[in-house]
Amino acid sequence: MEKEIVQDDIMDDVLDSVEQTTEETVNEDDKTQDDDEQVAESSEKLEARLAELEEANRKLYARLKRESKKESKKETSVDSLELMEFFSQGGTREEYNQLAAIMRGKDLSMAEAMEDDLYKALKAKMEADKRDEAAQIKSGRVASSDKSFKPGMSRADHKAEWEKKMSSMR
């Protein structure tokens, strides 16, 4: 915003300078209408000055664009304090990679990206996948650890094994 104001001020200065020079030229033309050489020289000087000012304007505009790109990159960078907070709240590297992709893609800050619907949906899916995986591991561990119960056991055999198992746990 400030750079646009600075650029506008520079453009105003350039226009004022051109207008002032033009007024001086007009005044000189009125005074010395007979002297065509002076008019030609002053118009050449004006054209040269205009070319210089336009070149300066192009350079300033290019510089402004470079600096605005740098600022947008800085805005999407993550503060180390935000990173520590993210990981202290149980965030994983995979979640951070997803969050960083959203931050870059939508040009958001970390806090804004965490509130984004896409990130919330990804996080919910990742949590559901973790729960499902944990449930599968637990059910697989219980079934594989107890070899005394076999398929096809009668009810009485099963009850006897159960009582035997419970008495060993006490």
Foldseek 3Di string as FASTA:
>chain_A
DVLVVVLVVLVVVLVVVLVVLVVVLVVVCVVCVPDPPVNVVSVVVSVVSNVVSVVVSVVSVVVVVVVVVVVLVVQLDADVVVVVVCVVVPHDPVLVVVLSVQCVVVSHHSVVSCVDPVSVVVVVVVVVVVVVVVVVVVVVVVVVVDPCDDPPDDPVSVVVVVVVVVVVVD
